Structure formats: structure tokens, C-alpha cells
Amino acid sequence: MSNYSEAAKQHHEISLQYEHKYILFFVALIFSILGLAIETSTPSKNYFQIIFELSGWLFLLLSGILGLVILQESAAYYRFQSENSSLWNELNSLLSQKEMGKENIPWLDSSRADEVRHIMRPIDDVIRDKENSLKQIVSERDTVQKDVVLKINIQGITFTIGIIGLIISRGWDHIAYIIINS
């Protein structure tokens, strides 16, 4: 079972690395497209073409900024995930000690700012505290995860709208030519 959990942990780490790289490369792609679109734009007297071009730039900029926010919040999610794993390990260790008959465990009491004392604390109290901390961490992690998923969806929509705006703007003359000559 230990080999399975180590393999699962390793696969999870690899998937997180790929996800992080994907987000990073996608943000780089968005800003590259935006930079090229701005660099290669040509002046136009057609207001619709100008509106589509500028809206394409705006939506690509929003998509890139959302990507940067997603990268930042992903780091917070991974931090919460790490704290979650650490608390689970501590909780499992405490439960094992309780099964072996331990009723009290050594504890550092830092309730007073001027001193830290070594005390014996009931294991049930420590388990309860760890479970409460775990619930709080899971709640915070899930909130961050929902925010990241929402922002990823919004980023995809803004990227798509930006690309469509640029395609319409850049293809406006060709579309008009086809319509007029049909």
C-alpha cells in the first residue's frame, strides 16, 4: 500500500507541474498574440473594424491578466493542499497513538507571549483541534479552487472573444469583398 500511495503522490505532483506549465505557457501565448496584434495593426477608417480590433485587444489583455491571477491563486491552492496533507499525516499519527492507548501527549504551550512551556495534553483535545484545523483548511482550499475554476472559464471566454474580435477586424476587408462580389 505504501508503494501505491507513493506512486499516486508522484503522479499527482507531475500532474500539478503540467497544469502549472500549461497555465504559464497559455499566459505567455496570450500576451504574445496581444503584442503581435498591436504591433501589426494598420490604421483603418472603418469604425466597425476599429471597434473589433480594440475589443480584441481589450479581451486578450483581460484574459492575460486573469491568467496571472490564476497563477497566483494556484500557488495558494497548492499551499492549502500541502497543509491539508500535513494535517492528515499528523491526525493519522495521533489516531494511531490513541489506538495504542496513549491518553496524553507532550505539547508546547505558547499561549503566553513571554514563555513557552512543555505540558502534557489530552490526545482527544489535540485530535479535535487537528480535525477543526483540517476542516478550515479544506474549506479555504475548496473556496480557492472554485475561484480558480471560475476564473479559468472566464479566461477562456475572454480569450475566445479577443481572438474572434481580431479575426473579424483583420478579415473585415475580405469579408466585405466576398459579400459585395457575391
Foldseek 3Di string as FASTA:
>chain_A
DVVVVVVVVVVVVVVLVVVLVVLVVVLVVLVVVLVVLVVPDDDDPDPLLVVLSVLLNVLSVVLSVLSVVLSVLVVVLVVLVVVLVVLVVVLVVLVVVVVVPDQWDWDWDCVDPVDIDIDTDGSVVVNVVSVVVNVVSVVVSVVSVVVSVVSVVSSVVSNVSSVVSSCCSVCVVVVVVVVVVD
